[in-house]
Amino acid sequence: FSHCHRDRFQPVCTVNYPNEEAYTRITEFKHCTGQEAPGTTVAYEY
């Protein structure tokens, strides 16, 4: 999990990384929860 001091990290809730990266996707939860709060948290999935 990683926190960023900005409103959005990526354009949609989930971005898949199908090729070189060790992780398969990054999820930014504020997209799906509808939460309004300063900053945003994402999860890299391995």
All heavy atoms as atom14 arrays in JSON, in Angstrom:
{
  "sequence": "FSHCHRDRFQPVCTVNYPNEEAYTRITEFKHCTGQEAPGTTVAYEY",
  "atom14_mask": [
    [1, 1, 1, 1, 1, 1, 1, 1, 1, 1, 1, 0, 0, 0],
    [1, 1, 1, 1, 1, 1, 0, 0, 0, 0, 0, 0, 0, 0],
    [1, 1, 1, 1, 1, 1, 1, 1, 1, 1, 0, 0, 0, 0],
    [1, 1, 1, 1, 1, 1, 0, 0, 0, 0, 0, 0, 0, 0],
    [1, 1, 1, 1, 1, 1, 1, 1, 1, 1, 0, 0, 0, 0],
    [1, 1, 1, 1, 1, 1, 1, 1, 1, 1, 1, 0, 0, 0],
    [1, 1, 1, 1, 1, 1, 1, 1, 0, 0, 0, 0, 0, 0],
    [1, 1, 1, 1, 1, 1, 1, 1, 1, 1, 1, 0, 0, 0],
    [1, 1, 1, 1, 1, 1, 1, 1, 1, 1, 1, 0, 0, 0],
    [1, 1, 1, 1, 1, 1, 1, 1, 1, 0, 0, 0, 0, 0],
    [1, 1, 1, 1, 1, 1, 1, 0, 0, 0, 0, 0, 0, 0],
    [1, 1, 1, 1, 1, 1, 1, 0, 0, 0, 0, 0, 0, 0],
    [1, 1, 1, 1, 1, 1, 0, 0, 0, 0, 0, 0, 0, 0],
    [1, 1, 1, 1, 1, 1, 1, 0, 0, 0, 0, 0, 0, 0],
    [1, 1, 1, 1, 1, 1, 1, 0, 0, 0, 0, 0, 0, 0],
    [1, 1, 1, 1, 1, 1, 1, 1, 0, 0, 0, 0, 0, 0],
    [1, 1, 1, 1, 1, 1, 1, 1, 1, 1, 1, 1, 0, 0],
    [1, 1, 1, 1, 1, 1, 1, 0, 0, 0, 0, 0, 0, 0],
    [1, 1, 1, 1, 1, 1, 1, 1, 0, 0, 0, 0, 0, 0],
    [1, 1, 1, 1, 1, 1, 1, 1, 1, 0, 0, 0, 0, 0],
    [1, 1, 1, 1, 1, 1, 1, 1, 1, 0, 0, 0, 0, 0],
    [1, 1, 1, 1, 1, 0, 0, 0, 0, 0, 0, 0, 0, 0],
    [1, 1, 1, 1, 1, 1, 1, 1, 1, 1, 1, 1, 0, 0],
    [1, 1, 1, 1, 1, 1, 1, 0, 0, 0, 0, 0, 0, 0],
    [1, 1, 1, 1, 1, 1, 1, 1, 1, 1, 1, 0, 0, 0],
    [1, 1, 1, 1, 1, 1, 1, 1, 0, 0, 0, 0, 0, 0],
    [1, 1, 1, 1, 1, 1, 1, 0, 0, 0, 0, 0, 0, 0],
    [1, 1, 1, 1, 1, 1, 1, 1, 1, 0, 0, 0, 0, 0],
    [1, 1, 1, 1, 1, 1, 1, 1, 1, 1, 1, 0, 0, 0],
    [1, 1, 1, 1, 1, 1, 1, 1, 1, 0, 0, 0, 0, 0],
    [1, 1, 1, 1, 1, 1, 1, 1, 1, 1, 0, 0, 0, 0],
    [1, 1, 1, 1, 1, 1, 0, 0, 0, 0, 0, 0, 0, 0],
    [1, 1, 1, 1, 1, 1, 1, 0, 0, 0, 0, 0, 0, 0],
    [1, 1, 1, 1, 0, 0, 0, 0, 0, 0, 0, 0, 0, 0],
    [1, 1, 1, 1, 1, 1, 1, 1, 1, 0, 0, 0, 0, 0],
    [1, 1, 1, 1, 1, 1, 1, 1, 1, 0, 0, 0, 0, 0],
    [1, 1, 1, 1, 1, 0, 0, 0, 0, 0, 0, 0, 0, 0],
    [1, 1, 1, 1, 1, 1, 1, 0, 0, 0, 0, 0, 0, 0],
    [1, 1, 1, 1, 0, 0, 0, 0, 0, 0, 0, 0, 0, 0],
    [1, 1, 1, 1, 1, 1, 1, 0, 0, 0, 0, 0, 0, 0],
    [1, 1, 1, 1, 1, 1, 1, 0, 0, 0, 0, 0, 0, 0],
    [1, 1, 1, 1, 1, 1, 1, 0, 0, 0, 0, 0, 0, 0],
    [1, 1, 1, 1, 1, 0, 0, 0, 0, 0, 0, 0, 0, 0],
    [1, 1, 1, 1, 1, 1, 1, 1, 1, 1, 1, 1, 0, 0],
    [1, 1, 1, 1, 1, 1, 1, 1, 1, 0, 0, 0, 0, 0],
    [1, 1, 1, 1, 1, 1, 1, 1, 1, 1, 1, 1, 0, 0]
  ],
  "atom14_positions": [
    [[0.84, -1.19, 0.0], [0.0, 0.0, 0.0], [0.88, 1.24, 0.0], [1.9, 1.3, 0.7], [-0.92, 0.01, 1.22], [-2.0, -1.03, 1.17], [-1.76, -2.35, 1.57], [-3.27, -0.7, 0.71], [-2.75, -3.3, 1.51], [-4.28, -1.65, 0.65], [-4.02, -2.95, 1.04], [0.0, 0.0, 0.0], [0.0, 0.0, 0.0], [0.0, 0.0, 0.0]],
    [[0.46, 2.22, -0.78], [1.23, 3.46, -0.89], [0.27, 4.65, -0.88], [-0.77, 4.61, -1.54], [2.05, 3.46, -2.19], [2.75, 4.68, -2.35], [0.0, 0.0, 0.0], [0.0, 0.0, 0.0], [0.0, 0.0, 0.0], [0.0, 0.0, 0.0], [0.0, 0.0, 0.0], [0.0, 0.0, 0.0], [0.0, 0.0, 0.0], [0.0, 0.0, 0.0]],
    [[0.62, 5.68, -0.11], [-0.23, 6.87, -0.03], [0.41, 8.02, -0.79], [1.63, 8.22, -0.75], [-0.44, 7.28, 1.43], [-1.41, 8.41, 1.59], [-2.77, 8.24, 1.48], [-1.21, 9.73, 1.82], [-3.38, 9.4, 1.66], [-2.45, 10.32, 1.86], [0.0, 0.0, 0.0], [0.0, 0.0, 0.0], [0.0, 0.0, 0.0], [0.0, 0.0, 0.0]],
    [[-0.43, 8.77, -1.51], [0.04, 9.9, -2.29], [-0.69, 11.16, -1.84], [-1.89, 11.14, -1.59], [-0.24, 9.68, -3.78], [0.41, 8.14, -4.44], [0.0, 0.0, 0.0], [0.0, 0.0, 0.0], [0.0, 0.0, 0.0], [0.0, 0.0, 0.0], [0.0, 0.0, 0.0], [0.0, 0.0, 0.0], [0.0, 0.0, 0.0], [0.0, 0.0, 0.0]],
    [[0.05, 12.26, -1.77], [-0.55, 13.53, -1.36], [-1.07, 14.27, -2.58], [-0.67, 15.39, -2.89], [0.46, 14.37, -0.59], [0.88, 13.75, 0.7], [0.05, 13.68, 1.81], [2.03, 13.12, 1.06], [0.67, 13.05, 2.8], [1.87, 12.7, 2.37], [0.0, 0.0, 0.0], [0.0, 0.0, 0.0], [0.0, 0.0, 0.0], [0.0, 0.0, 0.0]],
    [[-1.97, 13.61, -3.29], [-2.68, 14.24, -4.39], [-4.05, 13.6, -4.49], [-4.28, 12.52, -3.93], [-1.91, 14.11, -5.7], [-1.63, 12.7, -6.16], [-0.68, 12.74, -7.34], [-0.61, 11.49, -8.06], [0.51, 10.98, -8.54], [1.64, 11.61, -8.37], [0.49, 9.84, -9.22], [0.0, 0.0, 0.0], [0.0, 0.0, 0.0], [0.0, 0.0, 0.0]],
    [[-4.95, 14.22, -5.23], [-6.33, 13.76, -5.24], [-6.5, 12.43, -5.97], [-7.27, 11.58, -5.54], [-7.23, 14.81, -5.87], [-8.71, 14.47, -5.73], [-9.14, 14.25, -4.58], [-9.41, 14.4, -6.75], [0.0, 0.0, 0.0], [0.0, 0.0, 0.0], [0.0, 0.0, 0.0], [0.0, 0.0, 0.0], [0.0, 0.0, 0.0], [0.0, 0.0, 0.0]],
    [[-5.76, 12.22, -7.09], [-5.89, 11.0, -7.87], [-4.51, 10.51, -8.3], [-3.62, 11.3, -8.61], [-6.76, 11.23, -9.11], [-8.26, 11.28, -8.82], [-8.82, 9.92, -8.45], [-10.26, 9.93, -8.31], [-10.91, 10.1, -7.16], [-10.22, 10.3, -6.04], [-12.22, 10.06, -7.12], [0.0, 0.0, 0.0], [0.0, 0.0, 0.0], [0.0, 0.0, 0.0]],
    [[-4.36, 9.2, -8.33], [-3.11, 8.57, -8.75], [-3.19, 8.07, -10.19], [-2.21, 8.11, -10.93], [-2.8, 7.4, -7.81], [-1.56, 6.63, -8.16], [-0.32, 7.08, -7.75], [-1.63, 5.46, -8.91], [0.85, 6.39, -8.08], [-0.49, 4.75, -9.24], [0.76, 5.22, -8.82], [0.0, 0.0, 0.0], [0.0, 0.0, 0.0], [0.0, 0.0, 0.0]],
    [[-4.39, 7.58, -10.58], [-4.56, 7.0, -11.91], [-5.99, 7.27, -12.38], [-6.85, 7.62, -11.58], [-4.26, 5.49, -11.89], [-5.1, 4.67, -10.93], [-4.57, 3.25, -10.73], [-3.39, 2.97, -10.88], [-5.47, 2.34, -10.4], [0.0, 0.0, 0.0], [0.0, 0.0, 0.0], [0.0, 0.0, 0.0], [0.0, 0.0, 0.0], [0.0, 0.0, 0.0]],
    [[-6.27, 7.1, -13.69], [-7.57, 7.54, -14.21], [-8.76, 6.67, -13.85], [-9.9, 7.11, -13.93], [-7.35, 7.54, -15.74], [-6.22, 6.59, -15.96], [-5.33, 6.7, -14.76], [0.0, 0.0, 0.0], [0.0, 0.0, 0.0], [0.0, 0.0, 0.0], [0.0, 0.0, 0.0], [0.0, 0.0, 0.0], [0.0, 0.0, 0.0], [0.0, 0.0, 0.0]],
    [[-8.52, 5.41, -13.48], [-9.62, 4.5, -13.12], [-9.24, 3.73, -11.86], [-8.09, 3.8, -11.4], [-9.93, 3.5, -14.27], [-10.53, 4.22, -15.46], [-8.68, 2.73, -14.67], [0.0, 0.0, 0.0], [0.0, 0.0, 0.0], [0.0, 0.0, 0.0], [0.0, 0.0, 0.0], [0.0, 0.0, 0.0], [0.0, 0.0, 0.0], [0.0, 0.0, 0.0]],
    [[-10.2, 2.98, -11.34], [-9.96, 2.24, -10.09], [-8.81, 1.27, -10.22], [-7.95, 1.18, -9.35], [-11.24, 1.5, -9.69], [-11.1, 0.52, -8.19], [0.0, 0.0, 0.0], [0.0, 0.0, 0.0], [0.0, 0.0, 0.0], [0.0, 0.0, 0.0], [0.0, 0.0, 0.0], [0.0, 0.0, 0.0], [0.0, 0.0, 0.0], [0.0, 0.0, 0.0]],
    [[-8.79, 0.5, -11.32], [-7.79, -0.55, -11.47], [-7.06, -0.42, -12.81], [-7.7, -0.29, -13.85], [-8.44, -1.94, -11.39], [-9.1, -2.08, -10.13], [-7.41, -3.04, -11.54], [0.0, 0.0, 0.0], [0.0, 0.0, 0.0], [0.0, 0.0, 0.0], [0.0, 0.0, 0.0], [0.0, 0.0, 0.0], [0.0, 0.0, 0.0], [0.0, 0.0, 0.0]],
    [[-5.74, -0.44, -12.74], [-4.91, -0.48, -13.94], [-4.11, -1.78, -13.91], [-3.41, -2.07, -12.94], [-3.96, 0.73, -14.02], [-3.0, 0.57, -15.22], [-4.74, 2.03, -14.15], [0.0, 0.0, 0.0], [0.0, 0.0, 0.0], [0.0, 0.0, 0.0], [0.0, 0.0, 0.0], [0.0, 0.0, 0.0], [0.0, 0.0, 0.0], [0.0, 0.0, 0.0]],
    [[-4.27, -2.58, -14.96], [-3.56, -3.85, -15.08], [-2.2, -3.64, -15.74], [-2.05, -2.8, -16.63], [-4.36, -4.84, -15.91], [-5.6, -5.35, -15.2], [-5.83, -5.04, -14.04], [-6.41, -6.12, -15.9], [0.0, 0.0, 0.0], [0.0, 0.0, 0.0], [0.0, 0.0, 0.0], [0.0, 0.0, 0.0], [0.0, 0.0, 0.0], [0.0, 0.0, 0.0]],
    [[-1.24, -4.45, -15.3], [0.11, -4.42, -15.87], [0.43, -5.83, -16.36], [0.98, -6.65, -15.63], [1.11, -3.93, -14.81], [0.92, -2.47, -14.49], [-0.06, -2.06, -13.58], [1.66, -1.49, -15.15], [-0.27, -0.71, -13.32], [1.46, -0.14, -14.89], [0.49, 0.24, -13.98], [0.29, 1.58, -13.72], [0.0, 0.0, 0.0], [0.0, 0.0, 0.0]],
    [[0.07, -6.12, -17.6], [0.13, -7.51, -18.07], [1.5, -7.99, -18.52], [1.65, -9.16, -18.87], [-0.84, -7.5, -19.26], [-0.83, -6.1, -19.75], [-0.59, -5.23, -18.56], [0.0, 0.0, 0.0], [0.0, 0.0, 0.0], [0.0, 0.0, 0.0], [0.0, 0.0, 0.0], [0.0, 0.0, 0.0], [0.0, 0.0, 0.0], [0.0, 0.0, 0.0]],
    [[2.51, -7.13, -18.51], [3.75, -7.54, -19.14], [4.95, -7.53, -18.18], [5.06, -8.39, -17.33], [3.98, -6.71, -20.4], [2.88, -6.97, -21.43], [2.66, -8.1, -21.82], [2.16, -5.94, -21.83], [0.0, 0.0, 0.0], [0.0, 0.0, 0.0], [0.0, 0.0, 0.0], [0.0, 0.0, 0.0], [0.0, 0.0, 0.0], [0.0, 0.0, 0.0]],
    [[5.84, -6.54, -18.24], [7.13, -6.66, -17.57], [7.09, -6.56, -16.05], [7.91, -7.16, -15.36], [8.09, -5.58, -18.1], [8.47, -5.73, -19.55], [7.43, -5.11, -20.49], [6.47, -4.49, -19.97], [7.57, -5.26, -21.72], [0.0, 0.0, 0.0], [0.0, 0.0, 0.0], [0.0, 0.0, 0.0], [0.0, 0.0, 0.0], [0.0, 0.0, 0.0]],
    [[6.16, -5.81, -15.51], [6.17, -5.54, -14.07], [5.91, -6.8, -13.25], [5.21, -7.71, -13.69], [5.11, -4.48, -13.74], [5.37, -3.11, -14.33], [4.96, -3.0, -15.79], [4.42, -3.99, -16.33], [5.17, -1.93, -16.38], [0.0, 0.0, 0.0], [0.0, 0.0, 0.0], [0.0, 0.0, 0.0], [0.0, 0.0, 0.0], [0.0, 0.0, 0.0]],
    [[6.45, -6.83, -12.04], [6.22, -7.98, -11.15], [4.8, -7.99, -10.62], [4.25, -9.05, -10.31], [7.21, -7.96, -9.99], [0.0, 0.0, 0.0], [0.0, 0.0, 0.0], [0.0, 0.0, 0.0], [0.0, 0.0, 0.0], [0.0, 0.0, 0.0], [0.0, 0.0, 0.0], [0.0, 0.0, 0.0], [0.0, 0.0, 0.0], [0.0, 0.0, 0.0]],
    [[4.19, -6.82, -10.47], [2.81, -6.75, -10.0], [1.86, -6.87, -11.18], [2.22, -6.59, -12.33], [2.55, -5.45, -9.22], [3.08, -4.19, -9.87], [2.33, -3.48, -10.8], [4.34, -3.7, -9.54], [2.8, -2.33, -11.39], [4.84, -2.54, -10.12], [4.06, -1.87, -11.04], [4.55, -0.71, -11.63], [0.0, 0.0, 0.0], [0.0, 0.0, 0.0]],
    [[0.64, -7.3, -10.89], [-0.35, -7.47, -11.95], [-1.29, -6.27, -12.08], [-1.82, -6.03, -13.17], [-1.22, -8.72, -11.71], [-1.72, -8.7, -10.37], [-0.43, -9.99, -11.96], [0.0, 0.0, 0.0], [0.0, 0.0, 0.0], [0.0, 0.0, 0.0], [0.0, 0.0, 0.0], [0.0, 0.0, 0.0], [0.0, 0.0, 0.0], [0.0, 0.0, 0.0]],
    [[-1.51, -5.55, -10.99], [-2.4, -4.41, -11.08], [-2.19, -3.46, -9.92], [-1.64, -3.83, -8.88], [-3.87, -4.86, -11.14], [-4.36, -5.66, -9.96], [-5.82, -6.1, -10.17], [-6.32, -6.91, -9.06], [-7.57, -7.34, -8.95], [-8.45, -7.03, -9.88], [-7.96, -8.08, -7.93], [0.0, 0.0, 0.0], [0.0, 0.0, 0.0], [0.0, 0.0, 0.0]],
    [[-2.64, -2.23, -10.13], [-2.66, -1.21, -9.08], [-4.1, -0.75, -8.91], [-4.78, -0.43, -9.9], [-1.77, 0.0, -9.43], [-0.31, -0.43, -9.63], [-1.86, 1.06, -8.34], [0.6, 0.7, -10.11], [0.0, 0.0, 0.0], [0.0, 0.0, 0.0], [0.0, 0.0, 0.0], [0.0, 0.0, 0.0], [0.0, 0.0, 0.0], [0.0, 0.0, 0.0]],
    [[-4.58, -0.74, -7.68], [-5.95, -0.32, -7.38], [-5.93, 0.97, -6.58], [-5.2, 1.09, -5.59], [-6.69, -1.41, -6.59], [-6.79, -2.59, -7.39], [-8.09, -0.94, -6.21], [0.0, 0.0, 0.0], [0.0, 0.0, 0.0], [0.0, 0.0, 0.0], [0.0, 0.0, 0.0], [0.0, 0.0, 0.0], [0.0, 0.0, 0.0], [0.0, 0.0, 0.0]],
    [[-6.73, 1.93, -7.02], [-6.92, 3.17, -6.27], [-8.36, 3.18, -5.74], [-9.32, 3.29, -6.5], [-6.67, 4.39, -7.16], [-6.78, 5.7, -6.41], [-6.46, 6.9, -7.28], [-6.34, 6.74, -8.52], [-6.34, 8.01, -6.73], [0.0, 0.0, 0.0], [0.0, 0.0, 0.0], [0.0, 0.0, 0.0], [0.0, 0.0, 0.0], [0.0, 0.0, 0.0]],
    [[-8.51, 3.07, -4.43], [-9.8, 2.75, -3.83], [-10.81, 3.89, -3.89], [-12.03, 3.64, -3.91], [-9.58, 2.29, -2.39], [-8.73, 1.06, -2.29], [-7.39, 1.16, -1.98], [-9.25, -0.19, -2.55], [-6.59, 0.03, -1.92], [-8.47, -1.32, -2.49], [-7.13, -1.21, -2.17], [0.0, 0.0, 0.0], [0.0, 0.0, 0.0], [0.0, 0.0, 0.0]],
    [[-10.35, 5.13, -3.9], [-11.3, 6.25, -3.89], [-12.19, 6.25, -5.13], [-13.3, 6.78, -5.09], [-10.54, 7.58, -3.77], [-10.05, 7.87, -2.37], [-9.19, 9.12, -2.3], [-9.97, 10.37, -2.61], [-9.12, 11.59, -2.45], [0.0, 0.0, 0.0], [0.0, 0.0, 0.0], [0.0, 0.0, 0.0], [0.0, 0.0, 0.0], [0.0, 0.0, 0.0]],
    [[-11.73, 5.65, -6.22], [-12.56, 5.59, -7.42], [-13.84, 4.78, -7.17], [-14.91, 5.15, -7.65], [-11.79, 4.93, -8.57], [-10.78, 5.81, -9.22], [-11.11, 6.8, -10.12], [-9.42, 5.85, -9.09], [-10.01, 7.4, -10.52], [-8.97, 6.85, -9.92], [0.0, 0.0, 0.0], [0.0, 0.0, 0.0], [0.0, 0.0, 0.0], [0.0, 0.0, 0.0]],
    [[-13.71, 3.67, -6.46], [-14.87, 2.8, -6.29], [-15.68, 3.1, -5.03], [-16.89, 2.88, -5.0], [-14.46, 1.33, -6.31], [-13.36, 0.79, -4.98], [0.0, 0.0, 0.0], [0.0, 0.0, 0.0], [0.0, 0.0, 0.0], [0.0, 0.0, 0.0], [0.0, 0.0, 0.0], [0.0, 0.0, 0.0], [0.0, 0.0, 0.0], [0.0, 0.0, 0.0]],
    [[-15.04, 3.61, -3.99], [-15.78, 3.87, -2.75], [-16.54, 5.19, -2.79], [-17.48, 5.38, -2.03], [-14.82, 3.91, -1.55], [-13.89, 5.0, -1.71], [-14.05, 2.6, -1.42], [0.0, 0.0, 0.0], [0.0, 0.0, 0.0], [0.0, 0.0, 0.0], [0.0, 0.0, 0.0], [0.0, 0.0, 0.0], [0.0, 0.0, 0.0], [0.0, 0.0, 0.0]],
    [[-16.09, 6.11, -3.65], [-16.72, 7.42, -3.69], [-16.28, 8.32, -2.56], [-16.83, 9.42, -2.38], [0.0, 0.0, 0.0], [0.0, 0.0, 0.0], [0.0, 0.0, 0.0], [0.0, 0.0, 0.0], [0.0, 0.0, 0.0], [0.0, 0.0, 0.0], [0.0, 0.0, 0.0], [0.0, 0.0, 0.0], [0.0, 0.0, 0.0], [0.0, 0.0, 0.0]],
    [[-15.3, 7.9, -1.79], [-14.86, 8.67, -0.63], [-14.21, 9.99, -1.08], [-13.45, 10.03, -2.05], [-13.85, 7.87, 0.19], [-13.39, 8.58, 1.45], [-12.32, 7.8, 2.2], [-11.71, 6.89, 1.65], [-12.08, 8.14, 3.45], [0.0, 0.0, 0.0], [0.0, 0.0, 0.0], [0.0, 0.0, 0.0], [0.0, 0.0, 0.0], [0.0, 0.0, 0.0]],
    [[-14.52, 11.05, -0.37], [-13.87, 12.34, -0.59], [-12.99, 12.62, 0.62], [-13.46, 12.75, 1.74], [-14.9, 13.44, -0.78], [-15.75, 13.27, -2.04], [-16.72, 14.4, -2.26], [-16.66, 15.39, -1.49], [-17.55, 14.31, -3.18], [0.0, 0.0, 0.0], [0.0, 0.0, 0.0], [0.0, 0.0, 0.0], [0.0, 0.0, 0.0], [0.0, 0.0, 0.0]],
    [[-11.68, 12.68, 0.38], [-10.72, 12.89, 1.44], [-9.43, 13.39, 0.81], [-9.14, 13.09, -0.35], [-10.46, 11.59, 2.21], [0.0, 0.0, 0.0], [0.0, 0.0, 0.0], [0.0, 0.0, 0.0], [0.0, 0.0, 0.0], [0.0, 0.0, 0.0], [0.0, 0.0, 0.0], [0.0, 0.0, 0.0], [0.0, 0.0, 0.0], [0.0, 0.0, 0.0]],
    [[-8.63, 14.15, 1.55], [-7.36, 14.61, 0.99], [-6.39, 13.44, 0.82], [-6.3, 12.55, 1.66], [-6.84, 15.59, 2.06], [-7.56, 15.22, 3.32], [-8.89, 14.7, 2.89], [0.0, 0.0, 0.0], [0.0, 0.0, 0.0], [0.0, 0.0, 0.0], [0.0, 0.0, 0.0], [0.0, 0.0, 0.0], [0.0, 0.0, 0.0], [0.0, 0.0, 0.0]],
    [[-5.7, 13.42, -0.31], [-4.76, 12.34, -0.58], [-5.46, 11.1, -1.11], [-6.7, 11.03, -1.16], [0.0, 0.0, 0.0], [0.0, 0.0, 0.0], [0.0, 0.0, 0.0], [0.0, 0.0, 0.0], [0.0, 0.0, 0.0], [0.0, 0.0, 0.0], [0.0, 0.0, 0.0], [0.0, 0.0, 0.0], [0.0, 0.0, 0.0], [0.0, 0.0, 0.0]],
    [[-4.68, 10.13, -1.5], [-5.23, 8.88, -2.03], [-4.28, 7.74, -1.73], [-3.07, 7.93, -1.61], [-5.48, 9.0, -3.55], [-6.21, 7.86, -4.0], [-4.18, 9.08, -4.33], [0.0, 0.0, 0.0], [0.0, 0.0, 0.0], [0.0, 0.0, 0.0], [0.0, 0.0, 0.0], [0.0, 0.0, 0.0], [0.0, 0.0, 0.0], [0.0, 0.0, 0.0]],
    [[-4.84, 6.53, -1.57], [-4.04, 5.35, -1.28], [-4.25, 4.32, -2.39], [-5.38, 4.11, -2.83], [-4.45, 4.73, 0.08], [-4.2, 5.68, 1.12], [-3.64, 3.46, 0.36], [0.0, 0.0, 0.0], [0.0, 0.0, 0.0], [0.0, 0.0, 0.0], [0.0, 0.0, 0.0], [0.0, 0.0, 0.0], [0.0, 0.0, 0.0], [0.0, 0.0, 0.0]],
    [[-3.15, 3.71, -2.82], [-3.21, 2.69, -3.86], [-2.59, 1.4, -3.32], [-1.81, 1.41, -2.37], [-2.48, 3.13, -5.15], [-3.12, 4.39, -5.71], [-0.99, 3.33, -4.91], [0.0, 0.0, 0.0], [0.0, 0.0, 0.0], [0.0, 0.0, 0.0], [0.0, 0.0, 0.0], [0.0, 0.0, 0.0], [0.0, 0.0, 0.0], [0.0, 0.0, 0.0]],
    [[-2.95, 0.3, -3.97], [-2.39, -1.01, -3.59], [-1.79, -1.66, -4.83], [-2.46, -1.8, -5.86], [-3.47, -1.91, -3.0], [0.0, 0.0, 0.0], [0.0, 0.0, 0.0], [0.0, 0.0, 0.0], [0.0, 0.0, 0.0], [0.0, 0.0, 0.0], [0.0, 0.0, 0.0], [0.0, 0.0, 0.0], [0.0, 0.0, 0.0], [0.0, 0.0, 0.0]],
    [[-0.52, -2.04, -4.71], [0.15, -2.83, -5.73], [-0.07, -4.3, -5.4], [0.13, -4.72, -4.26], [1.64, -2.53, -5.75], [2.01, -1.14, -6.2], [1.82, -0.03, -5.36], [2.55, -0.91, -7.46], [2.15, 1.24, -5.76], [2.9, 0.37, -7.87], [2.7, 1.44, -7.02], [3.03, 2.72, -7.43], [0.0, 0.0, 0.0], [0.0, 0.0, 0.0]],
    [[-0.49, -5.08, -6.38], [-0.89, -6.47, -6.16], [0.1, -7.43, -6.81], [0.35, -7.35, -8.02], [-2.29, -6.67, -6.72], [-2.9, -8.03, -6.44], [-4.37, -8.07, -6.81], [-5.09, -7.07, -6.56], [-4.8, -9.09, -7.38], [0.0, 0.0, 0.0], [0.0, 0.0, 0.0], [0.0, 0.0, 0.0], [0.0, 0.0, 0.0], [0.0, 0.0, 0.0]],
    [[0.63, -8.33, -5.99], [1.64, -9.28, -6.45], [1.12, -10.71, -6.27], [0.89, -11.15, -5.13], [2.93, -9.14, -5.65], [3.61, -7.81, -5.78], [3.22, -6.73, -4.98], [4.66, -7.61, -6.68], [3.85, -5.49, -5.08], [5.3, -6.38, -6.79], [4.89, -5.33, -5.98], [5.52, -4.1, -6.08], [0.0, 0.0, 0.0], [0.0, 0.0, 0.0]]
  ]
}
